[in-house]
Amino acid sequence: MNIFFDNSQPWYFGTDGNCPSNKYDFVTTLLHEIGHGLGFLSVSKLDGDTLGSFGYIVASDLSPLITTFPFPDLQGKYSVFASYMETNTFQSLVDTAIFPNPSNALGSIFKSNNVWFKGPFAMAQNGGNHVRIFAPTTFEKGSSMEHLNESTFPPNNINTLMTPYEGMSEEHHAPGPLTIQILRDIGWNMVPGIGIEDVLTNSRIHLFPNPVESIANIYLDESVDHASLQLIDFSGKVVLNTSFTAQKGIYTPVDLSGLPTGIYLLRINGSSLKLIKS
């Protein structure tokens, strides 16, 4: 993959999660673009504001950017990501009997605000519901059809990394569980224990990142108020014992910067998971 950055932008290159209010977090932007490079990409196109297509993007569409590799002839093929897209009435966007490729019918859908991702892993993560894709009524080249819906996943949501807009000081140093499951749907194998979220079966606790350098972001599938949060080292000593309050689906930061490096047991309301402090 090739990733291009505008060096005139005020980037913050730190990795400590403390991006200033007047800068853009470079790590967040990089992770977002890597997501596209891994296949979070529909290869959709809109010509003349009416003709929609998949797989007809050519090198000149990317001008003035030039790839370091020969640009592929997509031959009108759908990306795997696009193959999971449908309307809210369950019409598949790759069903050429309904949406010929290319066609004005596709172009209309691209601007319908009515495009959803139906991958089974993503739907399971999303409570059995389809996942809304960014398809505003005004087509935005490079943004429409290529991202999660902005208003569905606002900046304070754990799954907002792959939305189209990033504000100053906005930081997301982990992909979020929904993006992980979308990557599974499009064919990637996910190996646990290398920084991806760990899930506690009983309480559905998610931890990002793991290993943790300073800030551990924790969220639950249900809200808790003044729950017990403990960190226990390998000798059995409780090194942290505090009250933990979290809103359902919203990550809550816990500062572990003062914790020595090592392996710990994180326990919340009786459920446990391994936490690595790096």
Protein backbone atom coordinates (compact mmCIF):
# COMPACT_ATOMS: atom_id res chain seq x y z
CA MET A 1 0.00 0.00 0.00
CA ASN A 2 1.01 3.64 -0.48
CA ILE A 3 -0.01 6.19 2.15
CA PHE A 4 0.44 9.91 1.46
CA PHE A 5 0.41 12.63 4.12
CA ASP A 6 0.11 16.39 3.70
CA ASN A 7 3.22 17.75 5.44
CA SER A 8 1.68 21.22 5.66
CA GLN A 9 -0.79 20.01 8.29
CA PRO A 10 -0.06 20.51 12.02
CA TRP A 11 0.71 16.90 12.95
CA TYR A 12 1.32 15.62 16.46
CA PHE A 13 3.81 12.75 16.30
CA GLY A 14 3.65 11.69 19.94
CA THR A 15 2.34 8.28 20.95
CA ASP A 16 1.30 9.21 24.48
CA GLY A 17 -2.35 9.97 23.74
CA ASN A 18 -1.95 13.67 24.59
CA CYS A 19 -2.49 15.36 21.23
CA PRO A 20 -2.82 19.16 21.65
CA SER A 21 -6.06 20.86 20.68
CA ASN A 22 -4.43 22.61 17.69
CA LYS A 23 -2.92 19.51 16.05
CA TYR A 24 -3.96 16.34 14.25
CA ASP A 25 -2.90 13.02 15.77
CA PHE A 26 -0.55 11.33 13.28
CA VAL A 27 -0.92 7.83 14.76
CA THR A 28 -4.70 8.00 14.43
CA THR A 29 -4.49 9.09 10.78
CA LEU A 30 -1.90 6.42 10.01
CA LEU A 31 -3.99 3.63 11.54
CA HIS A 32 -7.02 4.86 9.60
CA GLU A 33 -5.18 4.73 6.28
CA ILE A 34 -3.71 1.31 7.07
CA GLY A 35 -7.31 0.16 7.57
CA HIS A 36 -8.07 1.17 3.99
CA GLY A 37 -4.90 -0.52 2.77
CA LEU A 38 -6.01 -3.75 4.43
CA GLY A 39 -9.22 -3.74 2.40
CA PHE A 40 -11.63 -1.33 4.12
CA LEU A 41 -12.29 -0.09 0.59
CA SER A 42 -15.26 -0.36 -1.79
CA VAL A 43 -13.47 0.84 -4.99
CA SER A 44 -16.67 2.73 -5.83
CA LYS A 45 -16.85 5.65 -8.23
CA LEU A 46 -19.41 8.25 -9.31
CA ASP A 47 -19.18 9.80 -12.80
CA GLY A 48 -21.19 12.84 -13.80
CA ASP A 49 -23.03 12.82 -10.46
CA THR A 50 -25.26 9.97 -11.67
CA LEU A 51 -23.31 6.92 -12.91
CA GLY A 52 -22.18 4.71 -10.05
CA SER A 53 -19.77 1.83 -10.39
CA PHE A 54 -17.54 -0.60 -8.54
CA GLY A 55 -14.10 -1.57 -9.82
CA TYR A 56 -13.67 1.04 -12.54
CA ILE A 57 -11.22 3.31 -10.72
CA VAL A 58 -8.12 4.05 -12.80
CA ALA A 59 -4.78 5.65 -11.92
CA SER A 60 -5.86 9.09 -13.20
CA ASP A 61 -8.68 9.14 -10.64
CA LEU A 62 -6.00 9.44 -7.95
CA SER A 63 -4.19 12.39 -9.56
CA PRO A 64 -1.91 14.02 -8.51
CA LEU A 65 -0.95 11.00 -6.38
CA ILE A 66 1.04 8.30 -8.14
CA THR A 67 1.46 4.77 -6.79
CA THR A 68 4.88 3.16 -6.59
CA PHE A 69 3.38 -0.05 -8.01
CA PRO A 70 1.55 -0.66 -11.29
CA PHE A 71 -2.06 0.40 -10.75
CA PRO A 72 -4.24 -2.69 -11.15
CA ASP A 73 -6.87 -3.15 -13.83
CA LEU A 74 -9.84 -3.84 -11.57
CA GLN A 75 -11.97 -4.95 -14.54
CA GLY A 76 -15.20 -3.89 -12.89
CA LYS A 77 -14.74 -6.35 -10.04
CA TYR A 78 -16.20 -5.72 -6.60
CA SER A 79 -14.02 -5.49 -3.52
CA VAL A 80 -14.77 -7.97 -0.75
CA PHE A 81 -15.78 -5.00 1.40
CA ALA A 82 -18.34 -3.91 -1.22
CA SER A 83 -19.69 -7.44 -1.58
CA TYR A 84 -21.19 -7.14 1.92
CA MET A 85 -23.04 -3.88 1.20
CA GLU A 86 -26.81 -3.68 0.92
CA THR A 87 -29.76 -1.34 1.41
CA ASN A 88 -31.95 -1.31 4.49
CA THR A 89 -34.41 -3.49 2.56
CA PHE A 90 -31.68 -6.14 2.14
CA GLN A 91 -30.97 -5.48 -1.54
CA SER A 92 -27.35 -6.43 -2.22
CA LEU A 93 -25.38 -3.74 -4.05
CA VAL A 94 -23.53 -6.46 -5.98
CA ASP A 95 -26.77 -7.99 -7.31
CA THR A 96 -26.51 -6.87 -10.94
CA ALA A 97 -30.15 -7.76 -11.57
CA ILE A 98 -31.04 -4.85 -9.29
CA PHE A 99 -27.94 -2.67 -9.59
CA PRO A 100 -26.11 -3.17 -12.91
CA ASN A 101 -22.43 -2.23 -12.74
CA PRO A 102 -22.11 0.57 -13.78
CA SER A 103 -25.55 2.17 -13.59
CA ASN A 104 -27.51 5.21 -12.47
CA ALA A 105 -29.24 2.89 -10.01
CA LEU A 106 -25.91 2.36 -8.24
CA GLY A 107 -25.20 6.08 -8.41
CA SER A 108 -28.50 6.80 -6.71
CA ILE A 109 -27.71 4.35 -3.90
CA PHE A 110 -24.26 5.87 -3.41
CA LYS A 111 -26.06 9.12 -2.47
CA SER A 112 -28.98 7.59 -0.60
CA ASN A 113 -27.72 7.67 3.00
CA ASN A 114 -28.95 4.08 2.96
CA VAL A 115 -25.97 1.72 2.65
CA TRP A 116 -25.23 -0.95 5.23
CA PHE A 117 -22.54 -3.59 5.83
CA LYS A 118 -23.91 -7.10 6.40
CA GLY A 119 -20.79 -9.13 7.27
CA PRO A 120 -21.69 -11.79 9.86
CA PHE A 121 -18.83 -11.02 12.26
CA ALA A 122 -19.53 -7.29 12.14
CA MET A 123 -23.25 -7.84 12.66
CA ALA A 124 -22.58 -10.09 15.65
CA GLN A 125 -20.39 -7.36 17.16
CA ASN A 126 -23.11 -4.80 16.41
CA GLY A 127 -25.80 -6.59 18.35
CA GLY A 128 -27.09 -8.50 15.31
CA ASN A 129 -27.68 -5.28 13.36
CA HIS A 130 -26.27 -4.18 10.03
CA VAL A 131 -23.51 -1.55 10.23
CA ARG A 132 -24.20 1.81 8.63
CA ILE A 133 -21.81 2.98 5.89
CA PHE A 134 -21.09 6.65 5.09
CA ALA A 135 -23.18 7.43 1.97
CA PRO A 136 -24.39 11.07 2.28
CA THR A 137 -26.79 12.64 -0.19
CA THR A 138 -23.90 14.63 -1.67
CA PHE A 139 -21.26 12.19 -2.89
CA GLU A 140 -17.84 12.87 -1.34
CA LYS A 141 -15.04 11.43 -3.44
CA GLY A 142 -12.70 9.36 -1.30
CA SER A 143 -15.11 9.40 1.65
CA SER A 144 -18.51 8.15 0.49
CA MET A 145 -18.87 4.36 0.48
CA GLU A 146 -15.43 3.93 2.07
CA HIS A 147 -16.10 4.56 5.78
CA LEU A 148 -18.35 3.86 8.72
CA ASN A 149 -21.10 6.46 9.05
CA GLU A 150 -19.86 9.57 10.86
CA SER A 151 -23.00 10.37 12.86
CA THR A 152 -23.49 6.73 13.90
CA PHE A 153 -19.98 6.56 15.34
CA PRO A 154 -19.10 10.01 16.77
CA PRO A 155 -15.61 10.91 18.08
CA ASN A 156 -16.25 9.53 21.58
CA ASN A 157 -17.23 6.08 20.26
CA ILE A 158 -14.76 3.19 20.46
CA ASN A 159 -15.48 2.32 16.81
CA THR A 160 -14.87 5.73 15.26
CA LEU A 161 -11.39 5.14 13.77
CA MET A 162 -12.78 4.27 10.32
CA THR A 163 -15.22 7.19 10.02
CA PRO A 164 -14.37 9.82 7.36
CA TYR A 165 -13.49 12.83 9.53
CA GLU A 166 -10.86 13.39 12.18
CA GLY A 167 -10.88 16.50 14.30
CA MET A 168 -7.94 18.23 15.93
CA SER A 169 -6.76 16.45 19.11
CA GLU A 170 -8.97 13.45 18.23
CA GLU A 171 -7.10 10.25 19.12
CA HIS A 172 -7.83 6.59 18.39
CA HIS A 173 -4.82 4.34 18.85
CA ALA A 174 -6.74 1.08 18.45
CA PRO A 175 -9.00 -0.07 15.60
CA GLY A 176 -12.04 -0.77 17.76
CA PRO A 177 -13.92 -4.06 17.94
CA LEU A 178 -16.22 -3.33 15.00
CA THR A 179 -13.34 -2.62 12.60
CA ILE A 180 -11.64 -5.82 13.78
CA GLN A 181 -14.78 -7.82 12.94
CA ILE A 182 -15.13 -6.13 9.53
CA LEU A 183 -11.54 -7.13 8.76
CA ARG A 184 -12.47 -10.68 9.76
CA ASP A 185 -15.45 -10.54 7.39
CA ILE A 186 -13.27 -9.52 4.45
CA GLY A 187 -10.84 -12.38 5.08
CA TRP A 188 -8.22 -11.48 7.66
CA ASN A 189 -7.38 -13.91 10.47
CA MET A 190 -7.33 -12.28 13.89
CA VAL A 191 -4.77 -13.58 16.38
CA PRO A 192 -5.54 -12.75 20.03
CA GLY A 193 -2.98 -11.47 22.49
CA ILE A 194 -1.01 -9.11 20.21
CA GLY A 195 -2.65 -5.81 21.10
CA ILE A 196 -6.13 -6.50 19.78
CA GLU A 197 -8.93 -6.34 22.32
CA ASP A 198 -9.41 -9.05 24.91
CA VAL A 199 -12.98 -9.92 25.76
CA LEU A 200 -14.24 -11.20 29.10
CA THR A 201 -17.05 -13.66 28.45
CA ASN A 202 -19.06 -12.84 31.56
CA SER A 203 -18.99 -9.05 31.66
CA ARG A 204 -18.04 -8.26 28.04
CA ILE A 205 -15.14 -5.98 28.95
CA HIS A 206 -12.92 -4.70 26.15
CA LEU A 207 -9.40 -3.39 26.67
CA PHE A 208 -7.39 -1.26 24.22
CA PRO A 209 -4.48 -1.44 23.72
CA ASN A 210 -2.93 -4.50 25.31
CA PRO A 211 0.04 -4.26 25.96
CA VAL A 212 -0.55 -0.87 27.61
CA GLU A 213 2.07 1.88 27.67
CA SER A 214 0.25 4.50 29.74
CA ILE A 215 -3.50 4.77 29.18
CA ALA A 216 -5.73 1.68 29.24
CA ASN A 217 -9.05 2.30 27.49
CA ILE A 218 -11.81 0.12 28.87
CA TYR A 219 -15.42 -0.16 27.85
CA LEU A 220 -18.28 -2.48 28.66
CA ASP A 221 -21.41 -3.60 26.84
CA GLU A 222 -23.40 -2.33 29.82
CA SER A 223 -23.03 0.69 32.04
CA VAL A 224 -21.55 0.33 35.53
CA ASP A 225 -21.47 2.76 38.44
CA HIS A 226 -18.70 2.56 41.04
CA ALA A 227 -17.72 -0.99 40.11
CA SER A 228 -14.62 -2.50 41.71
CA LEU A 229 -11.51 -2.35 39.49
CA GLN A 230 -8.36 -4.11 40.68
CA LEU A 231 -4.94 -4.81 39.24
CA ILE A 232 -3.13 -7.79 40.76
CA ASP A 233 0.52 -8.64 40.12
CA PHE A 234 1.91 -12.18 39.78
CA SER A 235 2.72 -12.38 43.49
CA GLY A 236 -0.98 -11.90 44.24
CA LYS A 237 -0.52 -8.35 45.52
CA VAL A 238 -3.29 -5.86 44.70
CA VAL A 239 -1.38 -2.91 43.21
CA LEU A 240 -4.47 -0.91 42.25
CA ASN A 241 -7.89 -0.94 43.84
CA THR A 242 -10.26 1.76 42.66
CA SER A 243 -13.85 2.56 41.77
CA PHE A 244 -14.73 2.31 38.07
CA THR A 245 -17.67 4.00 36.36
CA ALA A 246 -18.32 3.58 32.65
CA GLN A 247 -21.12 4.27 30.20
CA LYS A 248 -22.17 1.46 27.89
CA GLY A 249 -20.17 1.41 24.65
CA ILE A 250 -18.02 4.44 25.56
CA TYR A 251 -14.38 3.84 26.39
CA THR A 252 -13.12 5.07 29.74
CA PRO A 253 -9.40 5.81 30.16
CA VAL A 254 -7.49 4.51 33.17
CA ASP A 255 -4.02 5.99 33.73
CA LEU A 256 -1.47 3.21 34.34
CA SER A 257 1.61 5.30 33.54
CA GLY A 258 2.94 4.88 37.09
CA LEU A 259 2.64 1.10 37.00
CA PRO A 260 5.87 -0.92 36.62
CA THR A 261 6.22 -3.03 33.48
CA GLY A 262 4.96 -6.58 33.83
CA ILE A 263 1.97 -8.87 33.56
CA TYR A 264 -1.08 -8.23 35.69
CA LEU A 265 -4.56 -9.53 36.29
CA LEU A 266 -7.23 -6.89 35.61
CA ARG A 267 -10.38 -7.62 37.59
CA ILE A 268 -13.67 -5.76 37.31
CA ASN A 269 -16.64 -6.95 39.36
CA GLY A 270 -15.22 -10.46 39.64
CA SER A 271 -14.29 -10.97 35.98
CA SER A 272 -10.61 -11.07 35.03
CA LEU A 273 -8.29 -10.65 32.10
CA LYS A 274 -4.52 -10.52 31.54
CA LEU A 275 -3.07 -7.05 31.15
CA ILE A 276 0.48 -6.45 29.97
CA LYS A 277 2.16 -3.17 30.98
CA SER A 278 5.00 -2.25 28.62
